[in-house]
Amino acid sequence: MERFFAILGVADWVEFWWVAFGLFGQMMFTGRFLIQWIASERARRSVVPLAFWYFSLIGGVILLSYAIHRHDPVFILGQSLGVFIYTRNLWLIRREMRDAG
């Protein structure tokens, strides 16, 4: 088990689960690009589906939590701005849908 922890750069199970949590956030964040790409290919034009913004927000919040846990100011700053932008885009989309309906 020590070698496995060393490969991941963790000292114990708590840190292991934080790394697993961070990797899940990164997968969510990466998944948004796949969603956008598939939607654009299907539409045969550039499309940003609603799911893109939800994946961005969920992945961003998880990565921000991970960055805060790791005390990484560069990562914290980058993810904080992203979370704000994703939330704002979802709010604008919701308002537009409400006004249209």
N, C-alpha and C. Protein backbone atom coordinates (compact mmCIF):
# COMPACT_ATOMS: atom_id res chain seq x y z
N MET A 1 0.83 -1.20 0.00
CA MET A 1 0.00 0.00 0.00
C MET A 1 0.87 1.26 0.00
N GLU A 2 2.01 1.17 0.67
CA GLU A 2 2.90 2.34 0.73
C GLU A 2 3.35 2.77 -0.66
N ARG A 3 3.63 1.80 -1.52
CA ARG A 3 4.07 2.13 -2.88
C ARG A 3 2.94 2.81 -3.66
N PHE A 4 1.73 2.30 -3.49
CA PHE A 4 0.56 2.90 -4.14
C PHE A 4 0.38 4.34 -3.69
N PHE A 5 0.48 4.60 -2.39
CA PHE A 5 0.37 5.95 -1.86
C PHE A 5 1.50 6.84 -2.41
N ALA A 6 2.69 6.28 -2.50
CA ALA A 6 3.84 7.04 -3.01
C ALA A 6 3.61 7.45 -4.46
N ILE A 7 3.06 6.56 -5.26
CA ILE A 7 2.78 6.88 -6.67
C ILE A 7 1.82 8.05 -6.77
N LEU A 8 0.82 8.08 -5.89
CA LEU A 8 -0.18 9.16 -5.89
C LEU A 8 0.29 10.40 -5.12
N GLY A 9 1.39 10.27 -4.41
CA GLY A 9 1.91 11.40 -3.64
C GLY A 9 1.09 11.69 -2.39
N VAL A 10 0.54 10.65 -1.78
CA VAL A 10 -0.26 10.81 -0.57
C VAL A 10 0.37 10.00 0.57
N ALA A 11 0.04 10.40 1.79
CA ALA A 11 0.61 9.74 2.97
C ALA A 11 -0.37 8.81 3.68
N ASP A 12 -1.68 9.01 3.45
CA ASP A 12 -2.67 8.21 4.17
C ASP A 12 -3.97 8.14 3.38
N TRP A 13 -4.95 7.46 3.95
CA TRP A 13 -6.23 7.28 3.26
C TRP A 13 -7.01 8.58 3.09
N VAL A 14 -6.89 9.46 4.06
CA VAL A 14 -7.59 10.75 3.94
C VAL A 14 -7.10 11.49 2.70
N GLU A 15 -5.79 11.56 2.54
CA GLU A 15 -5.23 12.23 1.36
C GLU A 15 -5.57 11.47 0.08
N PHE A 16 -5.61 10.14 0.16
CA PHE A 16 -6.00 9.34 -1.00
C PHE A 16 -7.39 9.75 -1.47
N TRP A 17 -8.34 9.86 -0.53
CA TRP A 17 -9.72 10.22 -0.91
C TRP A 17 -9.80 11.65 -1.44
N TRP A 18 -8.95 12.54 -0.94
CA TRP A 18 -8.91 13.89 -1.50
C TRP A 18 -8.42 13.86 -2.94
N VAL A 19 -7.42 13.05 -3.22
CA VAL A 19 -6.92 12.92 -4.59
C VAL A 19 -7.99 12.30 -5.48
N ALA A 20 -8.68 11.28 -4.98
CA ALA A 20 -9.77 10.66 -5.76
C ALA A 20 -10.86 11.69 -6.04
N PHE A 21 -11.20 12.50 -5.04
CA PHE A 21 -12.20 13.56 -5.20
C PHE A 21 -11.75 14.57 -6.26
N GLY A 22 -10.49 14.97 -6.19
CA GLY A 22 -9.93 15.90 -7.18
C GLY A 22 -9.94 15.31 -8.58
N LEU A 23 -9.61 14.04 -8.70
CA LEU A 23 -9.63 13.39 -10.01
C LEU A 23 -11.05 13.31 -10.56
N PHE A 24 -12.03 13.06 -9.69
CA PHE A 24 -13.42 13.06 -10.13
C PHE A 24 -13.82 14.44 -10.65
N GLY A 25 -13.43 15.47 -9.94
CA GLY A 25 -13.70 16.84 -10.39
C GLY A 25 -13.07 17.11 -11.74
N GLN A 26 -11.85 16.63 -11.93
CA GLN A 26 -11.17 16.82 -13.21
C GLN A 26 -11.89 16.07 -14.32
N MET A 27 -12.40 14.88 -14.02
CA MET A 27 -13.16 14.13 -15.03
C MET A 27 -14.45 14.86 -15.40
N MET A 28 -15.13 15.44 -14.42
CA MET A 28 -16.34 16.23 -14.70
C MET A 28 -15.99 17.43 -15.58
N PHE A 29 -14.92 18.09 -15.22
CA PHE A 29 -14.48 19.27 -15.95
C PHE A 29 -14.11 18.91 -17.39
N THR A 30 -13.42 17.80 -17.57
CA THR A 30 -13.05 17.34 -18.90
C THR A 30 -14.27 16.87 -19.68
N GLY A 31 -15.21 16.25 -18.98
CA GLY A 31 -16.43 15.76 -19.62
C GLY A 31 -17.22 16.85 -20.31
N ARG A 32 -17.12 18.06 -19.83
CA ARG A 32 -17.85 19.17 -20.44
C ARG A 32 -17.40 19.40 -21.88
N PHE A 33 -16.12 19.21 -22.15
CA PHE A 33 -15.62 19.37 -23.51
C PHE A 33 -16.17 18.29 -24.43
N LEU A 34 -16.27 17.07 -23.91
CA LEU A 34 -16.85 15.99 -24.71
C LEU A 34 -18.32 16.26 -25.02
N ILE A 35 -19.05 16.75 -24.04
CA ILE A 35 -20.46 17.09 -24.23
C ILE A 35 -20.60 18.17 -25.30
N GLN A 36 -19.79 19.20 -25.20
CA GLN A 36 -19.86 20.30 -26.17
C GLN A 36 -19.48 19.81 -27.56
N TRP A 37 -18.46 19.00 -27.66
CA TRP A 37 -18.01 18.49 -28.94
C TRP A 37 -19.08 17.63 -29.60
N ILE A 38 -19.67 16.70 -28.84
CA ILE A 38 -20.71 15.82 -29.37
C ILE A 38 -21.92 16.63 -29.81
N ALA A 39 -22.34 17.59 -28.98
CA ALA A 39 -23.50 18.43 -29.35
C ALA A 39 -23.22 19.21 -30.62
N SER A 40 -22.02 19.73 -30.77
CA SER A 40 -21.66 20.49 -31.96
C SER A 40 -21.61 19.60 -33.19
N GLU A 41 -21.07 18.40 -33.05
CA GLU A 41 -21.02 17.48 -34.18
C GLU A 41 -22.42 17.09 -34.63
N ARG A 42 -23.31 16.85 -33.69
CA ARG A 42 -24.69 16.48 -34.04
C ARG A 42 -25.41 17.63 -34.73
N ALA A 43 -25.18 18.85 -34.27
CA ALA A 43 -25.84 20.03 -34.85
C ALA A 43 -25.12 20.52 -36.10
N ARG A 44 -23.90 20.04 -36.32
CA ARG A 44 -23.06 20.46 -37.44
C ARG A 44 -22.76 21.96 -37.39
N ARG A 45 -22.72 22.50 -36.16
CA ARG A 45 -22.33 23.88 -35.89
C ARG A 45 -21.90 23.94 -34.42
N SER A 46 -21.25 25.01 -34.06
CA SER A 46 -20.80 25.15 -32.68
C SER A 46 -21.98 25.36 -31.74
N VAL A 47 -22.10 24.51 -30.75
CA VAL A 47 -23.20 24.55 -29.79
C VAL A 47 -22.62 24.42 -28.39
N VAL A 48 -23.19 25.16 -27.45
CA VAL A 48 -22.82 25.02 -26.04
C VAL A 48 -24.09 24.60 -25.29
N PRO A 49 -24.24 23.30 -25.07
CA PRO A 49 -25.47 22.82 -24.40
C PRO A 49 -25.49 23.18 -22.92
N LEU A 50 -26.67 23.16 -22.33
CA LEU A 50 -26.85 23.47 -20.92
C LEU A 50 -25.99 22.56 -20.04
N ALA A 51 -25.88 21.29 -20.42
CA ALA A 51 -25.08 20.35 -19.63
C ALA A 51 -23.62 20.80 -19.52
N PHE A 52 -23.11 21.48 -20.53
CA PHE A 52 -21.74 22.00 -20.48
C PHE A 52 -21.55 22.88 -19.26
N TRP A 53 -22.52 23.75 -18.99
CA TRP A 53 -22.40 24.68 -17.86
C TRP A 53 -22.54 23.96 -16.53
N TYR A 54 -23.41 22.93 -16.47
CA TYR A 54 -23.54 22.17 -15.23
C TYR A 54 -22.27 21.36 -14.94
N PHE A 55 -21.72 20.71 -15.96
CA PHE A 55 -20.47 19.98 -15.78
C PHE A 55 -19.35 20.94 -15.38
N SER A 56 -19.33 22.12 -15.99
CA SER A 56 -18.32 23.13 -15.64
C SER A 56 -18.44 23.52 -14.17
N LEU A 57 -19.66 23.81 -13.73
CA LEU A 57 -19.88 24.24 -12.36
C LEU A 57 -19.54 23.14 -11.36
N ILE A 58 -20.03 21.93 -11.60
CA ILE A 58 -19.77 20.83 -10.67
C ILE A 58 -18.28 20.52 -10.61
N GLY A 59 -17.66 20.39 -11.78
CA GLY A 59 -16.22 20.14 -11.82
C GLY A 59 -15.43 21.26 -11.19
N GLY A 60 -15.83 22.51 -11.45
CA GLY A 60 -15.15 23.67 -10.89
C GLY A 60 -15.24 23.74 -9.37
N VAL A 61 -16.42 23.44 -8.83
CA VAL A 61 -16.60 23.47 -7.37
C VAL A 61 -15.77 22.37 -6.72
N ILE A 62 -15.77 21.18 -7.32
CA ILE A 62 -14.97 20.09 -6.77
C ILE A 62 -13.48 20.44 -6.83
N LEU A 63 -13.03 20.96 -7.97
CA LEU A 63 -11.62 21.32 -8.09
C LEU A 63 -11.25 22.48 -7.16
N LEU A 64 -12.16 23.42 -6.96
CA LEU A 64 -11.91 24.51 -6.02
C LEU A 64 -11.77 23.96 -4.60
N SER A 65 -12.64 23.04 -4.21
CA SER A 65 -12.55 22.41 -2.89
C SER A 65 -11.22 21.70 -2.72
N TYR A 66 -10.82 20.98 -3.75
CA TYR A 66 -9.54 20.27 -3.72
C TYR A 66 -8.37 21.26 -3.60
N ALA A 67 -8.43 22.35 -4.36
CA ALA A 67 -7.37 23.37 -4.32
C ALA A 67 -7.28 24.03 -2.95
N ILE A 68 -8.43 24.29 -2.35
CA ILE A 68 -8.45 24.88 -1.00
C ILE A 68 -7.83 23.90 -0.01
N HIS A 69 -8.19 22.63 -0.13
CA HIS A 69 -7.61 21.62 0.76
C HIS A 69 -6.10 21.56 0.60
N ARG A 70 -5.61 21.68 -0.61
CA ARG A 70 -4.18 21.62 -0.90
C ARG A 70 -3.46 22.95 -0.66
N HIS A 71 -4.21 24.01 -0.35
CA HIS A 71 -3.64 25.34 -0.12
C HIS A 71 -2.85 25.82 -1.33
N ASP A 72 -3.44 25.68 -2.51
CA ASP A 72 -2.77 26.06 -3.77
C ASP A 72 -3.37 27.37 -4.27
N PRO A 73 -2.73 28.51 -4.00
CA PRO A 73 -3.32 29.81 -4.34
C PRO A 73 -3.54 30.01 -5.84
N VAL A 74 -2.69 29.46 -6.67
CA VAL A 74 -2.86 29.62 -8.12
C VAL A 74 -4.12 28.88 -8.58
N PHE A 75 -4.25 27.66 -8.15
CA PHE A 75 -5.40 26.82 -8.50
C PHE A 75 -6.68 27.41 -7.90
N ILE A 76 -6.61 27.90 -6.67
CA ILE A 76 -7.78 28.51 -6.01
C ILE A 76 -8.26 29.72 -6.82
N LEU A 77 -7.35 30.59 -7.19
CA LEU A 77 -7.72 31.78 -7.96
C LEU A 77 -8.36 31.40 -9.29
N GLY A 78 -7.74 30.49 -10.00
CA GLY A 78 -8.27 30.08 -11.31
C GLY A 78 -9.65 29.45 -11.21
N GLN A 79 -9.84 28.57 -10.26
CA GLN A 79 -11.14 27.90 -10.12
C GLN A 79 -12.21 28.85 -9.56
N SER A 80 -11.82 29.77 -8.70
CA SER A 80 -12.80 30.73 -8.14
C SER A 80 -13.43 31.56 -9.24
N LEU A 81 -12.63 32.06 -10.14
CA LEU A 81 -13.15 32.86 -11.25
C LEU A 81 -14.04 32.01 -12.14
N GLY A 82 -13.60 30.79 -12.43
CA GLY A 82 -14.40 29.89 -13.26
C GLY A 82 -15.76 29.59 -12.64
N VAL A 83 -15.79 29.27 -11.36
CA VAL A 83 -17.06 28.96 -10.68
C VAL A 83 -18.01 30.16 -10.77
N PHE A 84 -17.48 31.36 -10.60
CA PHE A 84 -18.30 32.56 -10.74
C PHE A 84 -18.90 32.66 -12.15
N ILE A 85 -18.06 32.45 -13.16
CA ILE A 85 -18.51 32.57 -14.56
C ILE A 85 -19.55 31.49 -14.89
N TYR A 86 -19.33 30.26 -14.45
CA TYR A 86 -20.28 29.18 -14.75
C TYR A 86 -21.62 29.46 -14.08
N THR A 87 -21.57 29.93 -12.83
CA THR A 87 -22.80 30.25 -12.12
C THR A 87 -23.54 31.39 -12.82
N ARG A 88 -22.82 32.39 -13.23
CA ARG A 88 -23.43 33.53 -13.93
C ARG A 88 -24.07 33.09 -15.24
N ASN A 89 -23.40 32.24 -16.01
CA ASN A 89 -23.98 31.76 -17.26
C ASN A 89 -25.25 30.96 -17.01
N LEU A 90 -25.25 30.11 -16.00
CA LEU A 90 -26.47 29.35 -15.68
C LEU A 90 -27.59 30.28 -15.26
N TRP A 91 -27.27 31.32 -14.50
CA TRP A 91 -28.28 32.28 -14.08
C TRP A 91 -28.86 33.00 -15.30
N LEU A 92 -28.00 33.43 -16.22
CA LEU A 92 -28.47 34.12 -17.43
C LEU A 92 -29.34 33.21 -18.29
N ILE A 93 -28.97 31.95 -18.40
CA ILE A 93 -29.76 30.98 -19.18
C ILE A 93 -31.12 30.78 -18.51
N ARG A 94 -31.13 30.64 -17.21
CA ARG A 94 -32.40 30.45 -16.48
C ARG A 94 -33.31 31.66 -16.66
N ARG A 95 -32.73 32.85 -16.56
CA ARG A 95 -33.53 34.06 -16.74
C ARG A 95 -34.09 34.15 -18.16
N GLU A 96 -33.27 33.80 -19.13
CA GLU A 96 -33.73 33.84 -20.53
C GLU A 96 -34.86 32.83 -20.75
N MET A 97 -34.74 31.64 -20.18
CA MET A 97 -35.79 30.63 -20.32
C MET A 97 -37.07 31.09 -19.63
N ARG A 98 -36.93 31.71 -18.47
CA ARG A 98 -38.10 32.21 -17.74
C ARG A 98 -38.80 33.31 -18.53
N ASP A 99 -38.05 34.24 -19.10
CA ASP A 99 -38.62 35.33 -19.87
C ASP A 99 -39.27 34.86 -21.17
N ALA A 100 -38.71 33.79 -21.75
CA ALA A 100 -39.25 33.27 -23.00
C ALA A 100 -40.52 32.46 -22.79
N GLY A 101 -40.67 31.90 -21.58
CA GLY A 101 -41.79 30.99 -21.33
C GLY A 101 -42.94 31.68 -20.75
